[in-house]
Amino acid sequence: MSDRIKRRHFIAQAGGIGIGLLAAPSVSAQSMSRVLGANDRIRLGIVGAGGRGRSLMGSFKKFPQAEFVAVCDVYEPYQGLALKLSAAGAKATYDYRELLNDKNIDAIVNATPDHWHSQILIDAVQAGKDVYTEKPFSLTIEQGEKMVKAVRATKQIVQVGMQRRSSEAVRSAKKLVDDGVLGEVVMARAQWFWNRKPMPRTATLQGNLDWDRFQGPVKQRRALDAVRFMNWRNFWDYSGGHMTDQGTHLMDVIQWFCNDGNPPQAALSHGEIYVHIGAEVPDTFSAIFEYPRFLATWTLCYGNSYEDSWKIFLQGKQATMVIDDDGYRVFPEPWKRPDIPPKAMHEYKGGIPTEPHVLNFLECIRSRQEPNAPVEVGHKAVSAPHLANLAFHQKRRVALGTDGALTKA
């Protein structure tokens, strides 16, 4: 979050200018796949082949230029499932360093739990691999700073898995904000509501698990625990919880649209566990973020699905924008009964696919241009949720200094 980072790599990417096909009308995955040439293969290795990892493999496989030639996971059943999505003759391993040492692999897709993001990313770029790394970018603010420096010490392409940055719906919504349609935004609200099942109290492994390798950089070593492995996002050792998992996406949009992509000045947060009994991270919370010109809130509830899934509200003096999986709507001010809600001034219908973000990464591997979600974007996006987690743990307001360092509030 230093001035150097802002100058070198962030500002140019924070605007609404697309790269390649992203500035053009939407097209099918099949037509997008012709961009690189059907015989121009990019050989990939997947590290972390759980549910999200295999979902990403499916998105990459929609482009025939991309093929997975190696799989790494600490859990044998996930290796087998990922091999079914890989090229003939693909190999599987428990050790990601084997993929980094393979000179035939061009890029790594990193979909591991959060506590492995930093080391794998740093090792991969130092080994000369381009990387598509899943969000949240880091496990802590300090870790994120080190990751940015490590990547910028190389010439590698790194795309952070924040697909809203490549979404036509979100990019066109940003243009409306840039054009002043909302007027001065004074309040931003992010929410995510799902009705989730309780966390299982027991779990059975279906094959070999390298538990020591899974724990990796975690300081407190524990005996094998299948529940913790299967539900790792519910434990602080391995993640920033739902605050950073979902909040990275939503707070990034708010910061991108309203604060030049920069994190808040301070945060407060409170949360509780009402659904995932036995977990450590809250499944119900609300955070408040202080920005220079507006206030933002981020609320999650996993015990009720009212207005199902995610939604962002940007409330300006001239209009309000609502963004969600259905697209966006812009409503004029003021609201007057009985015409509530008023007729939308602007509307876009469409979801947030992953494929345009994957395509942008593949294009940038060839062009060596900056992708839509470079490391500075990933770092700043998760800094707000990290700040809220610190406030939750410390039960107080936590602030950032002008240089991005934590200060006493």
Protein backbone atom coordinates (compact mmCIF):
# COMPACT_ATOMS: atom_id res chain seq x y z
CA MET A 1 0.00 0.00 0.00
CA SER A 2 3.03 2.29 -0.30
CA ASP A 3 3.15 5.23 -2.72
CA ARG A 4 5.62 3.22 -4.81
CA ILE A 5 3.06 0.45 -5.25
CA LYS A 6 0.39 2.95 -6.26
CA ARG A 7 2.61 4.60 -8.85
CA ARG A 8 4.09 1.52 -10.44
CA HIS A 9 1.26 -0.88 -10.90
CA PHE A 10 -2.08 0.00 -9.39
CA ILE A 11 -3.50 3.22 -10.75
CA ALA A 12 -3.53 2.24 -14.41
CA GLN A 13 -5.45 -0.94 -13.65
CA ALA A 14 -8.00 0.66 -11.33
CA GLY A 15 -9.86 2.42 -14.12
CA GLY A 16 -12.51 1.12 -16.46
CA ILE A 17 -10.21 0.44 -19.44
CA GLY A 18 -10.29 -3.22 -20.42
CA ILE A 19 -7.59 -5.42 -21.89
CA GLY A 20 -8.22 -7.24 -25.15
CA LEU A 21 -11.76 -8.56 -25.44
CA LEU A 22 -12.80 -7.26 -22.03
CA ALA A 23 -13.53 -3.85 -23.50
CA ALA A 24 -15.73 -5.42 -26.17
CA PRO A 25 -19.30 -6.76 -25.97
CA SER A 26 -19.68 -10.13 -24.31
CA VAL A 27 -18.88 -13.19 -26.42
CA SER A 28 -19.09 -16.89 -25.88
CA ALA A 29 -16.31 -18.91 -24.27
CA GLN A 30 -15.94 -20.77 -27.57
CA SER A 31 -15.31 -17.60 -29.57
CA MET A 32 -13.01 -16.18 -26.87
CA SER A 33 -10.94 -19.35 -27.00
CA ARG A 34 -9.84 -18.58 -30.55
CA VAL A 35 -7.80 -15.57 -29.39
CA LEU A 36 -4.62 -17.49 -28.56
CA GLY A 37 -4.77 -20.02 -31.38
CA ALA A 38 -5.93 -23.59 -30.94
CA ASN A 39 -2.42 -25.05 -31.20
CA ASP A 40 -0.72 -22.50 -28.94
CA ARG A 41 -0.81 -24.50 -25.70
CA ILE A 42 -0.33 -23.13 -22.22
CA ARG A 43 0.65 -25.97 -19.90
CA LEU A 44 -0.74 -25.63 -16.40
CA GLY A 45 -0.35 -27.24 -13.02
CA ILE A 46 -3.09 -27.09 -10.38
CA VAL A 47 -2.04 -26.78 -6.73
CA GLY A 48 -5.01 -27.38 -4.46
CA ALA A 49 -7.54 -29.59 -6.26
CA GLY A 50 -10.47 -29.29 -3.88
CA GLY A 51 -13.86 -27.99 -4.94
CA ARG A 52 -12.72 -24.51 -5.95
CA GLY A 53 -9.60 -25.82 -7.65
CA ARG A 54 -11.57 -28.25 -9.82
CA SER A 55 -14.10 -25.54 -10.61
CA LEU A 56 -11.28 -23.36 -11.89
CA MET A 57 -9.96 -26.27 -13.93
CA GLY A 58 -13.36 -26.45 -15.58
CA SER A 59 -13.21 -22.74 -16.44
CA PHE A 60 -9.69 -23.04 -17.87
CA LYS A 61 -10.65 -26.11 -19.89
CA LYS A 62 -13.21 -24.07 -21.84
CA PHE A 63 -10.22 -22.62 -23.68
CA PRO A 64 -8.45 -25.31 -25.73
CA GLN A 65 -5.16 -23.42 -25.44
CA ALA A 66 -5.02 -24.35 -21.74
CA GLU A 67 -4.23 -27.86 -20.61
CA PHE A 68 -3.48 -29.24 -17.17
CA VAL A 69 -0.46 -31.49 -17.19
CA ALA A 70 0.15 -31.82 -13.44
CA VAL A 71 -1.90 -32.00 -10.25
CA CYS A 72 -0.79 -31.34 -6.69
CA ASP A 73 -2.91 -31.91 -3.61
CA VAL A 74 -2.32 -33.25 -0.11
CA TYR A 75 -5.46 -35.41 -0.34
CA GLU A 76 -5.29 -38.45 -2.62
CA PRO A 77 -9.00 -38.46 -3.65
CA TYR A 78 -8.71 -34.85 -4.86
CA GLN A 79 -5.70 -35.83 -6.96
CA GLY A 80 -7.75 -38.52 -8.67
CA LEU A 81 -10.67 -36.20 -9.39
CA ALA A 82 -8.37 -33.53 -10.81
CA LEU A 83 -6.54 -36.02 -13.03
CA LYS A 84 -9.87 -36.73 -14.74
CA LEU A 85 -9.91 -33.05 -15.78
CA SER A 86 -6.29 -33.10 -16.93
CA ALA A 87 -4.52 -34.00 -20.15
CA ALA A 88 -3.60 -37.59 -20.89
CA GLY A 89 -0.44 -38.56 -19.08
CA ALA A 90 -0.76 -35.85 -16.43
CA LYS A 91 1.08 -36.59 -13.20
CA ALA A 92 -0.04 -36.20 -9.58
CA THR A 93 2.03 -35.33 -6.54
CA TYR A 94 1.75 -34.24 -2.91
CA ASP A 95 4.63 -31.75 -3.25
CA TYR A 96 3.98 -28.54 -5.23
CA ARG A 97 7.71 -28.00 -5.68
CA GLU A 98 7.74 -30.83 -8.22
CA LEU A 99 5.49 -28.67 -10.42
CA LEU A 100 7.75 -25.65 -9.97
CA ASN A 101 10.79 -27.70 -11.00
CA ASP A 102 9.08 -28.94 -14.16
CA LYS A 103 10.29 -26.73 -17.01
CA ASN A 104 7.44 -27.92 -19.21
CA ILE A 105 4.88 -26.16 -16.99
CA ASP A 106 4.18 -22.54 -17.93
CA ALA A 107 1.85 -21.47 -15.13
CA ILE A 108 0.41 -22.54 -11.79
CA VAL A 109 -3.19 -22.27 -10.62
CA ASN A 110 -3.05 -21.89 -6.84
CA ALA A 111 -6.36 -22.85 -5.18
CA THR A 112 -5.00 -23.97 -1.82
CA PRO A 113 -6.35 -22.86 1.58
CA ASP A 114 -5.42 -19.30 2.54
CA HIS A 115 -2.48 -20.24 4.78
CA TRP A 116 -0.60 -21.66 1.77
CA HIS A 117 -1.22 -18.75 -0.65
CA SER A 118 1.87 -16.75 0.28
CA GLN A 119 4.58 -19.42 0.16
CA ILE A 120 3.33 -21.06 -3.01
CA LEU A 121 2.98 -17.74 -4.83
CA ILE A 122 6.45 -16.57 -3.83
CA ASP A 123 8.07 -19.91 -4.67
CA ALA A 124 6.24 -20.08 -8.01
CA VAL A 125 7.26 -16.65 -9.31
CA GLN A 126 10.83 -17.20 -8.15
CA ALA A 127 10.78 -20.43 -10.15
CA GLY A 128 9.72 -18.49 -13.25
CA LYS A 129 6.08 -19.57 -13.28
CA ASP A 130 3.11 -17.30 -13.96
CA VAL A 131 0.37 -17.73 -11.38
CA TYR A 132 -3.40 -17.54 -11.12
CA THR A 133 -3.83 -17.35 -7.35
CA GLU A 134 -7.17 -17.61 -5.63
CA LYS A 135 -8.44 -14.93 -3.29
CA PRO A 136 -8.11 -13.90 -0.56
CA PHE A 137 -4.63 -12.81 -1.60
CA SER A 138 -3.00 -13.22 1.81
CA LEU A 139 -3.53 -14.37 5.38
CA THR A 140 -2.42 -11.04 6.92
CA ILE A 141 -1.72 -7.48 5.81
CA GLU A 142 1.98 -7.86 6.55
CA GLN A 143 2.14 -11.09 4.57
CA GLY A 144 0.46 -9.38 1.63
CA GLU A 145 3.08 -6.64 1.56
CA LYS A 146 5.84 -9.26 1.33
CA MET A 147 3.98 -11.08 -1.45
CA VAL A 148 3.67 -7.92 -3.54
CA LYS A 149 7.39 -7.18 -3.17
CA ALA A 150 8.32 -10.75 -4.05
CA VAL A 151 6.21 -10.76 -7.21
CA ARG A 152 7.49 -7.35 -8.33
CA ALA A 153 11.06 -8.59 -7.95
CA THR A 154 10.27 -10.89 -10.89
CA LYS A 155 8.73 -10.46 -14.33
CA GLN A 156 5.99 -13.02 -13.78
CA ILE A 157 2.29 -12.51 -14.53
CA VAL A 158 0.06 -12.95 -11.49
CA GLN A 159 -3.72 -12.77 -11.64
CA VAL A 160 -5.64 -12.76 -8.33
CA GLY A 161 -8.91 -14.73 -8.59
CA MET A 162 -11.25 -11.76 -8.21
CA GLN A 163 -13.45 -12.29 -11.24
CA ARG A 164 -15.52 -9.13 -10.78
CA ARG A 165 -12.50 -7.25 -12.11
CA SER A 166 -13.12 -8.90 -15.50
CA SER A 167 -16.92 -8.84 -15.40
CA GLU A 168 -18.70 -6.79 -18.06
CA ALA A 169 -21.49 -6.07 -15.59
CA VAL A 170 -19.15 -4.68 -12.94
CA ARG A 171 -16.92 -2.80 -15.36
CA SER A 172 -19.88 -1.09 -17.01
CA ALA A 173 -21.29 -0.25 -13.58
CA LYS A 174 -18.01 1.42 -12.68
CA LYS A 175 -18.22 3.61 -15.76
CA LEU A 176 -21.57 4.94 -14.56
CA VAL A 177 -20.03 5.79 -11.20
CA ASP A 178 -17.05 7.44 -12.91
CA ASP A 179 -19.46 9.46 -15.05
CA GLY A 180 -21.06 10.86 -11.89
CA VAL A 181 -24.46 9.21 -12.27
CA LEU A 182 -24.69 8.52 -8.51
CA GLY A 183 -23.32 11.86 -7.43
CA GLU A 184 -21.25 11.86 -4.25
CA VAL A 185 -21.43 8.39 -2.66
CA VAL A 186 -21.96 8.76 1.08
CA MET A 187 -22.77 5.17 2.07
CA ALA A 188 -21.72 1.79 0.68
CA ARG A 189 -23.21 -1.48 1.94
CA ALA A 190 -22.04 -5.02 1.18
CA GLN A 191 -23.98 -8.10 2.25
CA TRP A 192 -23.93 -11.89 1.81
CA PHE A 193 -26.85 -14.01 3.04
CA TRP A 194 -26.99 -17.81 2.81
CA ASN A 195 -28.82 -20.42 4.87
CA ARG A 196 -26.01 -22.88 5.51
CA LYS A 197 -26.09 -26.29 7.17
CA PRO A 198 -24.39 -26.81 10.56
CA MET A 199 -20.73 -27.79 10.42
CA PRO A 200 -20.35 -31.59 10.72
CA ARG A 201 -19.00 -32.78 14.07
CA THR A 202 -17.25 -35.75 12.45
CA ALA A 203 -15.69 -36.47 9.07
CA THR A 204 -14.33 -39.58 7.35
CA LEU A 205 -11.38 -39.49 4.99
CA GLN A 206 -11.82 -41.45 1.76
CA GLY A 207 -8.12 -41.86 1.04
CA ASN A 208 -4.64 -40.82 2.07
CA LEU A 209 -4.13 -37.33 3.50
CA ASP A 210 -0.69 -35.81 4.05
CA TRP A 211 -1.77 -33.93 7.18
CA ASP A 212 1.68 -32.57 8.00
CA ARG A 213 2.00 -31.08 4.55
CA PHE A 214 -1.51 -29.60 4.81
CA GLN A 215 -0.61 -27.83 8.05
CA GLY A 216 2.55 -26.51 6.43
CA PRO A 217 3.38 -23.05 7.81
CA VAL A 218 0.91 -23.22 10.73
CA LYS A 219 2.79 -22.66 14.00
CA GLN A 220 0.59 -24.80 16.25
CA ARG A 221 0.92 -28.41 15.11
CA ARG A 222 -2.16 -30.56 15.72
CA ALA A 223 -2.98 -34.24 15.51
CA LEU A 224 -4.78 -35.38 12.38
CA ASP A 225 -8.27 -33.83 12.37
CA ALA A 226 -10.52 -34.65 9.41
CA VAL A 227 -13.11 -32.06 10.47
CA ARG A 228 -10.56 -29.27 10.38
CA PHE A 229 -9.30 -30.46 7.01
CA MET A 230 -12.72 -30.73 5.40
CA ASN A 231 -13.91 -27.43 6.90
CA TRP A 232 -10.64 -25.47 6.96
CA ARG A 233 -12.26 -22.12 6.22
CA ASN A 234 -13.95 -22.26 9.63
CA PHE A 235 -10.62 -22.17 11.51
CA TRP A 236 -8.21 -19.27 11.99
CA ASP A 237 -5.10 -21.40 11.41
CA TYR A 238 -5.95 -21.79 7.76
CA SER A 239 -8.02 -18.76 6.73
CA GLY A 240 -9.31 -15.30 7.45
CA GLY A 241 -12.77 -16.79 7.74
CA HIS A 242 -15.82 -15.63 5.81
CA MET A 243 -14.77 -12.04 6.45
CA THR A 244 -11.91 -12.29 3.95
CA ASP A 245 -13.33 -15.12 1.82
CA GLN A 246 -16.43 -13.26 0.64
CA GLY A 247 -15.39 -9.79 1.75
CA THR A 248 -12.43 -9.62 -0.62
CA HIS A 249 -14.80 -9.62 -3.61
CA LEU A 250 -17.26 -7.10 -2.24
CA MET A 251 -14.97 -4.63 -0.52
CA ASP A 252 -12.80 -4.55 -3.64
CA VAL A 253 -15.75 -3.34 -5.72
CA ILE A 254 -16.54 -0.65 -3.16
CA GLN A 255 -12.93 0.53 -3.00
CA TRP A 256 -12.46 0.33 -6.78
CA PHE A 257 -15.58 2.39 -7.44
CA CYS A 258 -15.34 4.90 -4.61
CA ASN A 259 -11.79 5.17 -3.21
CA ASP A 260 -9.33 4.69 -6.09
CA GLY A 261 -8.93 1.07 -5.00
CA ASN A 262 -7.43 2.00 -1.65
CA PRO A 263 -8.26 0.41 1.73
CA PRO A 264 -10.11 2.16 4.58
CA GLN A 265 -8.64 4.33 7.29
CA ALA A 266 -10.09 2.24 10.11
CA ALA A 267 -12.53 -0.57 10.92
CA LEU A 268 -14.78 -1.94 13.65
CA SER A 269 -16.31 -5.42 13.65
CA HIS A 270 -18.44 -7.76 15.72
CA GLY A 271 -19.45 -11.34 14.96
CA GLU A 272 -20.87 -14.52 16.45
CA ILE A 273 -21.19 -18.22 15.64
CA TYR A 274 -24.85 -19.22 15.33
CA VAL A 275 -24.75 -21.90 12.61
CA HIS A 276 -21.31 -23.54 12.41
CA ILE A 277 -21.13 -24.70 16.02
CA GLY A 278 -17.61 -25.94 16.73
CA ALA A 279 -16.04 -23.45 14.31
CA GLU A 280 -13.73 -20.60 15.29
CA VAL A 281 -14.67 -17.94 12.74
CA PRO A 282 -17.99 -16.05 12.93
CA ASP A 283 -20.77 -17.11 10.56
CA THR A 284 -22.73 -13.93 11.35
CA PHE A 285 -21.02 -10.53 11.52
CA SER A 286 -21.10 -6.88 10.65
CA ALA A 287 -18.13 -4.59 10.05
CA ILE A 288 -17.90 -0.83 9.62
CA PHE A 289 -15.18 0.79 7.52
CA GLU A 290 -14.13 4.42 7.59
CA TYR A 291 -13.10 5.92 4.24
CA PRO A 292 -12.12 9.54 3.65
CA ARG A 293 -15.40 10.55 1.97
CA PHE A 294 -17.91 7.83 2.87
CA LEU A 295 -18.82 5.05 5.29
CA ALA A 296 -19.08 1.36 4.34
CA THR A 297 -20.58 -1.68 6.03
CA TRP A 298 -20.04 -5.40 5.34
CA THR A 299 -22.61 -7.82 6.79
CA LEU A 300 -22.76 -11.61 6.46
CA CYS A 301 -25.37 -14.03 7.75
CA TYR A 302 -25.21 -17.78 7.13
CA GLY A 303 -28.41 -18.56 9.01
CA ASN A 304 -30.89 -16.90 6.66
CA SER A 305 -31.12 -16.52 2.87
CA TYR A 306 -33.17 -13.31 2.60
CA GLU A 307 -32.07 -11.61 -0.65
CA ASP A 308 -30.02 -14.74 -1.31
CA SER A 309 -26.25 -14.45 -1.91
CA TRP A 310 -24.34 -11.18 -2.28
CA LYS A 311 -25.39 -7.63 -2.94
CA ILE A 312 -23.67 -4.24 -2.96
CA PHE A 313 -25.47 -0.93 -2.47
CA LEU A 314 -23.79 2.36 -3.39
CA GLN A 315 -25.90 5.22 -2.08
CA GLY A 316 -25.15 8.59 -3.67
CA LYS A 317 -26.75 11.99 -3.37
CA GLN A 318 -28.22 11.68 -6.87
CA ALA A 319 -28.89 7.95 -7.22
CA THR A 320 -28.39 4.49 -5.72
CA MET A 321 -26.73 1.54 -7.47
CA VAL A 322 -27.47 -2.07 -6.54
CA ILE A 323 -25.10 -4.77 -7.88
CA ASP A 324 -25.61 -8.54 -7.49
CA ASP A 325 -25.61 -11.82 -9.41
CA ASP A 326 -28.42 -10.51 -11.62
CA GLY A 327 -26.44 -7.48 -12.81
CA TYR A 328 -27.05 -3.92 -11.62
CA ARG A 329 -29.84 -1.39 -11.25
CA VAL A 330 -29.58 2.37 -10.72
CA PHE A 331 -32.45 4.18 -8.99
CA PRO A 332 -32.82 7.98 -8.92
CA GLU A 333 -33.11 10.13 -5.82
CA PRO A 334 -35.29 10.94 -4.00
CA TRP A 335 -37.56 7.97 -3.34
CA LYS A 336 -41.17 9.07 -2.94
CA ARG A 337 -44.15 7.00 -1.91
CA PRO A 338 -46.12 5.34 -3.35
CA ASP A 339 -43.59 4.80 -6.21
CA ILE A 340 -41.12 2.69 -4.21
CA PRO A 341 -38.89 1.50 -5.68
CA PRO A 342 -38.82 4.05 -8.50
CA LYS A 343 -38.18 2.92 -12.06
CA ALA A 344 -34.52 2.13 -12.68
CA MET A 345 -32.54 4.76 -14.61
CA HIS A 346 -29.95 2.21 -15.77
CA GLU A 347 -30.04 -1.58 -15.75
CA TYR A 348 -27.78 -4.44 -16.78
CA LYS A 349 -28.77 -8.11 -16.66
CA GLY A 350 -26.01 -10.68 -16.32
CA GLY A 351 -23.97 -12.56 -13.75
CA ILE A 352 -20.31 -12.76 -12.79
CA PRO A 353 -18.69 -15.56 -14.82
CA THR A 354 -15.15 -16.73 -14.09
CA GLU A 355 -14.21 -17.37 -17.73
CA PRO A 356 -13.45 -13.75 -18.77
CA HIS A 357 -11.02 -13.50 -15.84
CA VAL A 358 -9.34 -16.75 -16.85
CA LEU A 359 -9.13 -15.55 -20.45
CA ASN A 360 -7.55 -12.28 -19.33
CA PHE A 361 -4.87 -14.28 -17.49
CA LEU A 362 -4.21 -16.50 -20.52
CA GLU A 363 -3.95 -13.45 -22.78
CA CYS A 364 -1.52 -11.78 -20.41
CA ILE A 365 0.69 -14.86 -20.29
CA ARG A 366 1.25 -14.31 -24.01
CA SER A 367 1.27 -10.50 -24.13
CA ARG A 368 3.10 -9.97 -20.79
CA GLN A 369 0.67 -7.13 -20.03
CA GLU A 370 -0.67 -6.57 -16.53
CA PRO A 371 -3.83 -8.60 -15.82
CA ASN A 372 -7.06 -7.09 -14.55
CA ALA A 373 -6.41 -8.14 -10.93
CA PRO A 374 -2.66 -7.78 -10.29
CA VAL A 375 -1.11 -8.32 -6.88
CA GLU A 376 -1.58 -4.72 -5.71
CA VAL A 377 -5.31 -5.03 -6.32
CA GLY A 378 -5.48 -8.33 -4.45
CA HIS A 379 -3.49 -6.92 -1.54
CA LYS A 380 -5.55 -3.76 -1.15
CA ALA A 381 -8.84 -5.60 -1.59
CA VAL A 382 -8.23 -7.97 1.31
CA SER A 383 -6.70 -5.29 3.54
CA ALA A 384 -10.16 -4.04 4.55
CA PRO A 385 -11.38 -7.50 5.70
CA HIS A 386 -8.03 -8.12 7.41
CA LEU A 387 -8.49 -4.85 9.28
CA ALA A 388 -11.99 -5.93 10.33
CA ASN A 389 -10.66 -9.26 11.59
CA LEU A 390 -8.08 -7.45 13.69
CA ALA A 391 -10.82 -5.26 15.12
CA PHE A 392 -12.87 -8.38 15.89
CA HIS A 393 -9.99 -10.09 17.70
CA GLN A 394 -8.91 -6.99 19.59
CA LYS A 395 -12.47 -5.80 20.30
CA ARG A 396 -11.64 -2.24 19.33
CA ARG A 397 -11.34 0.15 16.43
CA VAL A 398 -8.22 -0.60 14.38
CA ALA A 399 -6.65 1.94 12.04
CA LEU A 400 -4.17 2.06 9.16
CA GLY A 401 -1.51 4.74 8.84
CA THR A 402 -1.00 6.69 5.64
CA ASP A 403 1.77 4.26 4.73
CA GLY A 404 -0.53 1.26 5.14
CA ALA A 405 0.98 0.17 8.45
CA LEU A 406 -1.23 -0.61 11.45
CA THR A 407 -1.51 2.14 14.03
CA LYS A 408 -3.05 2.46 17.46
CA ALA A 409 -6.61 3.71 17.21
